[in-house]
Amino acid sequence: MEQMALYHNLQYNSSEEKNPRLVFYNEDEEVVKTVRVKKMKSADISSLLDSLGFYKKSQKGEEVPEDFQHLPLRAPRDEL
């Protein structure tokens, strides 16, 4: 979870511990895509988030550049 805390615009909800998943929302807070991550390793989840354009800070407390404040760069697609 420490790695996930470095990603901007990503929130962790511990209520899904038995069936962990990533839920992607659009700017209207509508669910766009859900990915089950129970069998994924943290490196796999990081790779997925990187591929979707989520900004990853190099350390906690780092400021997120203004260009990245409202992103991931690419929206999740059905092919995930």
PDB file of N, CA and C in Angstrom:
ATOM      1  N   MET A   1       0.809  -1.193   0.000  1.00  0.00           N
ATOM      2  CA  MET A   1       0.000   0.000   0.000  1.00  0.00           C
ATOM      3  C   MET A   1       0.852   1.256   0.000  1.00  0.00           C
ATOM      4  N   GLU A   2       2.074   1.168   0.499  1.00  0.00           N
ATOM      5  CA  GLU A   2       2.950   2.340   0.486  1.00  0.00           C
ATOM      6  C   GLU A   2       3.223   2.800  -0.934  1.00  0.00           C
ATOM      7  N   GLN A   3       3.417   1.862  -1.868  1.00  0.00           N
ATOM      8  CA  GLN A   3       3.631   2.213  -3.277  1.00  0.00           C
ATOM      9  C   GLN A   3       2.409   2.911  -3.845  1.00  0.00           C
ATOM     10  N   MET A   4       1.226   2.423  -3.510  1.00  0.00           N
ATOM     11  CA  MET A   4      -0.006   2.985  -4.052  1.00  0.00           C
ATOM     12  C   MET A   4      -0.224   4.408  -3.547  1.00  0.00           C
ATOM     13  N   ALA A   5       0.284   4.719  -2.353  1.00  0.00           N
ATOM     14  CA  ALA A   5       0.128   6.063  -1.785  1.00  0.00           C
ATOM     15  C   ALA A   5       0.899   7.107  -2.588  1.00  0.00           C
ATOM     16  N   LEU A   6       1.837   6.681  -3.418  1.00  0.00           N
ATOM     17  CA  LEU A   6       2.614   7.619  -4.229  1.00  0.00           C
ATOM     18  C   LEU A   6       1.873   8.062  -5.491  1.00  0.00           C
ATOM     19  N   TYR A   7       0.808   7.367  -5.841  1.00  0.00           N
ATOM     20  CA  TYR A   7       0.060   7.716  -7.060  1.00  0.00           C
ATOM     21  C   TYR A   7      -0.942   8.822  -6.771  1.00  0.00           C
ATOM     22  N   HIS A   8      -0.931   9.820  -7.651  1.00  0.00           N
ATOM     23  CA  HIS A   8      -1.849  10.950  -7.536  1.00  0.00           C
ATOM     24  C   HIS A   8      -3.217  10.547  -8.082  1.00  0.00           C
ATOM     25  N   ASN A   9      -4.272  11.036  -7.451  1.00  0.00           N
ATOM     26  CA  ASN A   9      -5.660  10.749  -7.844  1.00  0.00           C
ATOM     27  C   ASN A   9      -6.014   9.274  -7.698  1.00  0.00           C
ATOM     28  N   LEU A  10      -5.431   8.627  -6.708  1.00  0.00           N
ATOM     29  CA  LEU A  10      -5.737   7.233  -6.411  1.00  0.00           C
ATOM     30  C   LEU A  10      -6.087   7.155  -4.931  1.00  0.00           C
ATOM     31  N   GLN A  11      -7.217   6.546  -4.629  1.00  0.00           N
ATOM     32  CA  GLN A  11      -7.641   6.397  -3.244  1.00  0.00           C
ATOM     33  C   GLN A  11      -7.771   4.920  -2.921  1.00  0.00           C
ATOM     34  N   TYR A  12      -7.392   4.556  -1.704  1.00  0.00           N
ATOM     35  CA  TYR A  12      -7.476   3.183  -1.233  1.00  0.00           C
ATOM     36  C   TYR A  12      -8.645   3.060  -0.270  1.00  0.00           C
ATOM     37  N   ASN A  13      -9.467   2.049  -0.486  1.00  0.00           N
ATOM     38  CA  ASN A  13     -10.602   1.777   0.389  1.00  0.00           C
ATOM     39  C   ASN A  13     -10.427   0.373   0.924  1.00  0.00           C
ATOM     40  N   SER A  14     -10.188   0.232   2.214  1.00  0.00           N
ATOM     41  CA  SER A  14      -9.896  -1.081   2.808  1.00  0.00           C
ATOM     42  C   SER A  14     -11.126  -1.969   2.955  1.00  0.00           C
ATOM     43  N   SER A  15     -12.303  -1.492   2.608  1.00  0.00           N
ATOM     44  CA  SER A  15     -13.505  -2.312   2.755  1.00  0.00           C
ATOM     45  C   SER A  15     -13.568  -3.450   1.742  1.00  0.00           C
ATOM     46  N   GLU A  16     -12.726  -3.430   0.744  1.00  0.00           N
ATOM     47  CA  GLU A  16     -12.729  -4.459  -0.299  1.00  0.00           C
ATOM     48  C   GLU A  16     -11.569  -5.443  -0.146  1.00  0.00           C
ATOM     49  N   GLU A  17     -11.068  -5.649   1.056  1.00  0.00           N
ATOM     50  CA  GLU A  17      -9.894  -6.485   1.267  1.00  0.00           C
ATOM     51  C   GLU A  17     -10.077  -7.918   0.772  1.00  0.00           C
ATOM     52  N   LYS A  18     -11.265  -8.487   0.877  1.00  0.00           N
ATOM     53  CA  LYS A  18     -11.485  -9.867   0.439  1.00  0.00           C
ATOM     54  C   LYS A  18     -11.613  -9.965  -1.074  1.00  0.00           C
ATOM     55  N   ASN A  19     -12.020  -8.898  -1.699  1.00  0.00           N
ATOM     56  CA  ASN A  19     -12.174  -8.874  -3.149  1.00  0.00           C
ATOM     57  C   ASN A  19     -11.600  -7.555  -3.669  1.00  0.00           C
ATOM     58  N   PRO A  20     -10.264  -7.372  -3.509  1.00  0.00           N
ATOM     59  CA  PRO A  20      -9.683  -6.078  -3.880  1.00  0.00           C
ATOM     60  C   PRO A  20      -9.825  -5.797  -5.377  1.00  0.00           C
ATOM     61  N   ARG A  21     -10.071  -4.537  -5.669  1.00  0.00           N
ATOM     62  CA  ARG A  21     -10.230  -4.138  -7.066  1.00  0.00           C
ATOM     63  C   ARG A  21      -9.896  -2.673  -7.212  1.00  0.00           C
ATOM     64  N   LEU A  22      -9.528  -2.323  -8.424  1.00  0.00           N
ATOM     65  CA  LEU A  22      -9.347  -0.922  -8.786  1.00  0.00           C
ATOM     66  C   LEU A  22     -10.621  -0.494  -9.484  1.00  0.00           C
ATOM     67  N   VAL A  23     -11.149   0.631  -9.068  1.00  0.00           N
ATOM     68  CA  VAL A  23     -12.351   1.164  -9.690  1.00  0.00           C
ATOM     69  C   VAL A  23     -11.977   2.521 -10.271  1.00  0.00           C
ATOM     70  N   PHE A  24     -12.179   2.678 -11.563  1.00  0.00           N
ATOM     71  CA  PHE A  24     -11.834   3.910 -12.251  1.00  0.00           C
ATOM     72  C   PHE A  24     -13.101   4.713 -12.502  1.00  0.00           C
ATOM     73  N   TYR A  25     -13.026   5.995 -12.183  1.00  0.00           N
ATOM     74  CA  TYR A  25     -14.156   6.906 -12.341  1.00  0.00           C
ATOM     75  C   TYR A  25     -13.795   7.999 -13.346  1.00  0.00           C
ATOM     76  N   ASN A  26     -14.802   8.515 -14.035  1.00  0.00           N
ATOM     77  CA  ASN A  26     -14.564   9.660 -14.901  1.00  0.00           C
ATOM     78  C   ASN A  26     -14.756  10.932 -14.082  1.00  0.00           C
ATOM     79  N   GLU A  27     -14.642  12.076 -14.726  1.00  0.00           N
ATOM     80  CA  GLU A  27     -14.738  13.343 -13.985  1.00  0.00           C
ATOM     81  C   GLU A  27     -16.128  13.595 -13.413  1.00  0.00           C
ATOM     82  N   ASP A  28     -17.131  12.859 -13.900  1.00  0.00           N
ATOM     83  CA  ASP A  28     -18.486  12.966 -13.350  1.00  0.00           C
ATOM     84  C   ASP A  28     -18.737  11.946 -12.242  1.00  0.00           C
ATOM     85  N   GLU A  29     -17.658  11.275 -11.807  1.00  0.00           N
ATOM     86  CA  GLU A  29     -17.689  10.257 -10.768  1.00  0.00           C
ATOM     87  C   GLU A  29     -18.546   9.051 -11.136  1.00  0.00           C
ATOM     88  N   GLU A  30     -18.587   8.734 -12.437  1.00  0.00           N
ATOM     89  CA  GLU A  30     -19.259   7.526 -12.924  1.00  0.00           C
ATOM     90  C   GLU A  30     -18.202   6.449 -13.102  1.00  0.00           C
ATOM     91  N   VAL A  31     -18.535   5.212 -12.758  1.00  0.00           N
ATOM     92  CA  VAL A  31     -17.589   4.107 -12.911  1.00  0.00           C
ATOM     93  C   VAL A  31     -17.354   3.853 -14.397  1.00  0.00           C
ATOM     94  N   VAL A  32     -16.069   3.845 -14.774  1.00  0.00           N
ATOM     95  CA  VAL A  32     -15.676   3.612 -16.155  1.00  0.00           C
ATOM     96  C   VAL A  32     -15.178   2.179 -16.333  1.00  0.00           C
ATOM     97  N   LYS A  33     -14.449   1.689 -15.331  1.00  0.00           N
ATOM     98  CA  LYS A  33     -13.829   0.374 -15.446  1.00  0.00           C
ATOM     99  C   LYS A  33     -13.527  -0.155 -14.052  1.00  0.00           C
ATOM    100  N   THR A  34     -13.638  -1.469 -13.880  1.00  0.00           N
ATOM    101  CA  THR A  34     -13.266  -2.134 -12.636  1.00  0.00           C
ATOM    102  C   THR A  34     -12.292  -3.256 -12.975  1.00  0.00           C
ATOM    103  N   VAL A  35     -11.193  -3.334 -12.229  1.00  0.00           N
ATOM    104  CA  VAL A  35     -10.178  -4.370 -12.444  1.00  0.00           C
ATOM    105  C   VAL A  35      -9.950  -5.088 -11.126  1.00  0.00           C
ATOM    106  N   ARG A  36     -10.166  -6.391 -11.100  1.00  0.00           N
ATOM    107  CA  ARG A  36      -9.892  -7.188  -9.900  1.00  0.00           C
ATOM    108  C   ARG A  36      -8.378  -7.353  -9.761  1.00  0.00           C
ATOM    109  N   VAL A  37      -7.881  -7.148  -8.552  1.00  0.00           N
ATOM    110  CA  VAL A  37      -6.429  -7.179  -8.354  1.00  0.00           C
ATOM    111  C   VAL A  37      -5.985  -8.220  -7.327  1.00  0.00           C
ATOM    112  N   LYS A  38      -6.890  -9.102  -6.919  1.00  0.00           N
ATOM    113  CA  LYS A  38      -6.561 -10.085  -5.881  1.00  0.00           C
ATOM    114  C   LYS A  38      -5.343 -10.929  -6.246  1.00  0.00           C
ATOM    115  N   LYS A  39      -5.220 -11.323  -7.495  1.00  0.00           N
ATOM    116  CA  LYS A  39      -4.115 -12.191  -7.919  1.00  0.00           C
ATOM    117  C   LYS A  39      -2.934 -11.408  -8.497  1.00  0.00           C
ATOM    118  N   MET A  40      -3.023 -10.089  -8.497  1.00  0.00           N
ATOM    119  CA  MET A  40      -1.955  -9.255  -9.045  1.00  0.00           C
ATOM    120  C   MET A  40      -0.943  -8.905  -7.953  1.00  0.00           C
ATOM    121  N   LYS A  41       0.315  -8.847  -8.341  1.00  0.00           N
ATOM    122  CA  LYS A  41       1.363  -8.389  -7.433  1.00  0.00           C
ATOM    123  C   LYS A  41       1.414  -6.871  -7.501  1.00  0.00           C
ATOM    124  N   SER A  42       2.011  -6.254  -6.499  1.00  0.00           N
ATOM    125  CA  SER A  42       2.052  -4.789  -6.474  1.00  0.00           C
ATOM    126  C   SER A  42       2.768  -4.226  -7.699  1.00  0.00           C
ATOM    127  N   ALA A  43       3.780  -4.925  -8.208  1.00  0.00           N
ATOM    128  CA  ALA A  43       4.478  -4.467  -9.415  1.00  0.00           C
ATOM    129  C   ALA A  43       3.535  -4.471 -10.620  1.00  0.00           C
ATOM    130  N   ASP A  44       2.644  -5.465 -10.687  1.00  0.00           N
ATOM    131  CA  ASP A  44       1.670  -5.527 -11.777  1.00  0.00           C
ATOM    132  C   ASP A  44       0.676  -4.373 -11.693  1.00  0.00           C
ATOM    133  N   ILE A  45       0.245  -4.060 -10.475  1.00  0.00           N
ATOM    134  CA  ILE A  45      -0.695  -2.952 -10.285  1.00  0.00           C
ATOM    135  C   ILE A  45      -0.018  -1.637 -10.640  1.00  0.00           C
ATOM    136  N   SER A  46       1.227  -1.470 -10.213  1.00  0.00           N
ATOM    137  CA  SER A  46       1.982  -0.258 -10.561  1.00  0.00           C
ATOM    138  C   SER A  46       2.140  -0.121 -12.071  1.00  0.00           C
ATOM    139  N   SER A  47       2.436  -1.211 -12.735  1.00  0.00           N
ATOM    140  CA  SER A  47       2.574  -1.180 -14.197  1.00  0.00           C
ATOM    141  C   SER A  47       1.268  -0.768 -14.860  1.00  0.00           C
ATOM    142  N   LEU A  48       0.160  -1.294 -14.355  1.00  0.00           N
ATOM    143  CA  LEU A  48      -1.148  -0.936 -14.901  1.00  0.00           C
ATOM    144  C   LEU A  48      -1.412   0.555 -14.715  1.00  0.00           C
ATOM    145  N   LEU A  49      -1.184   1.057 -13.508  1.00  0.00           N
ATOM    146  CA  LEU A  49      -1.418   2.479 -13.237  1.00  0.00           C
ATOM    147  C   LEU A  49      -0.509   3.365 -14.086  1.00  0.00           C
ATOM    148  N   ASP A  50       0.749   2.950 -14.237  1.00  0.00           N
ATOM    149  CA  ASP A  50       1.682   3.699 -15.092  1.00  0.00           C
ATOM    150  C   ASP A  50       1.194   3.721 -16.534  1.00  0.00           C
ATOM    151  N   SER A  51       0.712   2.583 -17.008  1.00  0.00           N
ATOM    152  CA  SER A  51       0.261   2.499 -18.409  1.00  0.00           C
ATOM    153  C   SER A  51      -0.978   3.357 -18.658  1.00  0.00           C
ATOM    154  N   LEU A  52      -1.741   3.616 -17.598  1.00  0.00           N
ATOM    155  CA  LEU A  52      -2.936   4.449 -17.719  1.00  0.00           C
ATOM    156  C   LEU A  52      -2.641   5.932 -17.529  1.00  0.00           C
ATOM    157  N   GLY A  53      -1.394   6.257 -17.197  1.00  0.00           N
ATOM    158  CA  GLY A  53      -0.998   7.652 -17.092  1.00  0.00           C
ATOM    159  C   GLY A  53      -1.153   8.267 -15.727  1.00  0.00           C
ATOM    160  N   PHE A  54      -1.302   7.464 -14.676  1.00  0.00           N
ATOM    161  CA  PHE A  54      -1.360   8.029 -13.335  1.00  0.00           C
ATOM    162  C   PHE A  54       0.004   8.591 -12.968  1.00  0.00           C
ATOM    163  N   TYR A  55       0.012   9.765 -12.371  1.00  0.00           N
ATOM    164  CA  TYR A  55       1.266  10.397 -11.954  1.00  0.00           C
ATOM    165  C   TYR A  55       1.734   9.733 -10.665  1.00  0.00           C
ATOM    166  N   LYS A  56       3.009   9.339 -10.630  1.00  0.00           N
ATOM    167  CA  LYS A  56       3.579   8.708  -9.441  1.00  0.00           C
ATOM    168  C   LYS A  56       4.652   9.623  -8.865  1.00  0.00           C
ATOM    169  N   LYS A  57       4.461  10.009  -7.609  1.00  0.00           N
ATOM    170  CA  LYS A  57       5.438  10.842  -6.924  1.00  0.00           C
ATOM    171  C   LYS A  57       6.663   9.997  -6.591  1.00  0.00           C
ATOM    172  N   SER A  58       7.816  10.635  -6.494  1.00  0.00           N
ATOM    173  CA  SER A  58       9.025   9.891  -6.136  1.00  0.00           C
ATOM    174  C   SER A  58       9.111   9.661  -4.630  1.00  0.00           C
ATOM    175  N   GLN A  59       8.390  10.495  -3.848  1.00  0.00           N
ATOM    176  CA  GLN A  59       8.355  10.317  -2.399  1.00  0.00           C
ATOM    177  C   GLN A  59       7.108  10.977  -1.833  1.00  0.00           C
ATOM    178  N   LYS A  60       6.694  10.550  -0.657  1.00  0.00           N
ATOM    179  CA  LYS A  60       5.525  11.148   0.000  1.00  0.00           C
ATOM    180  C   LYS A  60       5.771  12.634   0.230  1.00  0.00           C
ATOM    181  N   GLY A  61       4.727  13.413   0.080  1.00  0.00           N
ATOM    182  CA  GLY A  61       4.836  14.842   0.319  1.00  0.00           C
ATOM    183  C   GLY A  61       5.281  15.643  -0.886  1.00  0.00           C
ATOM    184  N   GLU A  62       5.718  14.959  -1.931  1.00  0.00           N
ATOM    185  CA  GLU A  62       6.150  15.668  -3.144  1.00  0.00           C
ATOM    186  C   GLU A  62       4.953  16.382  -3.767  1.00  0.00           C
ATOM    187  N   GLU A  63       5.180  17.586  -4.239  1.00  0.00           N
ATOM    188  CA  GLU A  63       4.136  18.334  -4.929  1.00  0.00           C
ATOM    189  C   GLU A  63       3.897  17.728  -6.307  1.00  0.00           C
ATOM    190  N   VAL A  64       2.640  17.649  -6.708  1.00  0.00           N
ATOM    191  CA  VAL A  64       2.283  17.156  -8.028  1.00  0.00           C
ATOM    192  C   VAL A  64       2.266  18.354  -8.975  1.00  0.00           C
ATOM    193  N   PRO A  65       2.996  18.282 -10.103  1.00  0.00           N
ATOM    194  CA  PRO A  65       2.999  19.402 -11.046  1.00  0.00           C
ATOM    195  C   PRO A  65       1.581  19.753 -11.488  1.00  0.00           C
ATOM    196  N   GLU A  66       1.346  21.025 -11.715  1.00  0.00           N
ATOM    197  CA  GLU A  66       0.009  21.488 -12.066  1.00  0.00           C
ATOM    198  C   GLU A  66      -0.543  20.776 -13.302  1.00  0.00           C
ATOM    199  N   ASP A  67       0.321  20.463 -14.262  1.00  0.00           N
ATOM    200  CA  ASP A  67      -0.117  19.778 -15.481  1.00  0.00           C
ATOM    201  C   ASP A  67      -0.715  18.404 -15.200  1.00  0.00           C
ATOM    202  N   PHE A  68      -0.424  17.828 -14.040  1.00  0.00           N
ATOM    203  CA  PHE A  68      -0.872  16.480 -13.712  1.00  0.00           C
ATOM    204  C   PHE A  68      -1.975  16.450 -12.654  1.00  0.00           C
ATOM    205  N   GLN A  69      -2.439  17.600 -12.210  1.00  0.00           N
ATOM    206  CA  GLN A  69      -3.396  17.666 -11.110  1.00  0.00           C
ATOM    207  C   GLN A  69      -4.711  16.922 -11.370  1.00  0.00           C
ATOM    208  N   HIS A  70      -5.215  16.970 -12.586  1.00  0.00           N
ATOM    209  CA  HIS A  70      -6.543  16.406 -12.882  1.00  0.00           C
ATOM    210  C   HIS A  70      -6.469  15.205 -13.811  1.00  0.00           C
ATOM    211  N   LEU A  71      -5.392  14.481 -13.732  1.00  0.00           N
ATOM    212  CA  LEU A  71      -5.202  13.394 -14.678  1.00  0.00           C
ATOM    213  C   LEU A  71      -5.060  12.063 -13.988  1.00  0.00           C
ATOM    214  N   PRO A  72      -5.367  10.985 -14.606  1.00  0.00           N
ATOM    215  CA  PRO A  72      -4.438  10.260 -15.454  1.00  0.00           C
ATOM    216  C   PRO A  72      -4.522  10.781 -16.880  1.00  0.00           C
ATOM    217  N   LEU A  73      -3.463  10.513 -17.609  1.00  0.00           N
ATOM    218  CA  LEU A  73      -3.364  11.036 -18.966  1.00  0.00           C
ATOM    219  C   LEU A  73      -4.317  10.363 -19.931  1.00  0.00           C
ATOM    220  N   ARG A  74      -4.521   9.067 -19.733  1.00  0.00           N
ATOM    221  CA  ARG A  74      -5.393   8.303 -20.626  1.00  0.00           C
ATOM    222  C   ARG A  74      -6.467   7.629 -19.794  1.00  0.00           C
ATOM    223  N   ALA A  75      -7.673   7.630 -20.305  1.00  0.00           N
ATOM    224  CA  ALA A  75      -8.780   6.976 -19.587  1.00  0.00           C
ATOM    225  C   ALA A  75      -8.679   5.463 -19.749  1.00  0.00           C
ATOM    226  N   PRO A  76      -9.092   4.707 -18.741  1.00  0.00           N
ATOM    227  CA  PRO A  76      -9.110   3.247 -18.891  1.00  0.00           C
ATOM    228  C   PRO A  76     -10.007   2.829 -20.039  1.00  0.00           C
ATOM    229  N   ARG A  77      -9.594   1.833 -20.747  1.00  0.00           N
ATOM    230  CA  ARG A  77     -10.360   1.323 -21.890  1.00  0.00           C
ATOM    231  C   ARG A  77     -10.858  -0.075 -21.582  1.00  0.00           C
ATOM    232  N   ASP A  78     -11.817  -0.525 -22.355  1.00  0.00           N
ATOM    233  CA  ASP A  78     -12.396  -1.851 -22.144  1.00  0.00           C
ATOM    234  C   ASP A  78     -11.404  -2.984 -22.350  1.00  0.00           C
ATOM    235  N   GLU A  79     -10.314  -2.720 -23.066  1.00  0.00           N
ATOM    236  CA  GLU A  79      -9.357  -3.791 -23.345  1.00  0.00           C
ATOM    237  C   GLU A  79      -8.485  -4.156 -22.149  1.00  0.00           C
ATOM    238  N   LEU A  80      -8.608  -3.459 -21.021  1.00  0.00           N
ATOM    239  CA  LEU A  80      -7.799  -3.788 -19.850  1.00  0.00           C
ATOM    240  C   LEU A  80      -8.177  -5.135 -19.290  1.00  0.00           C
TER     241      LEU A  80
END
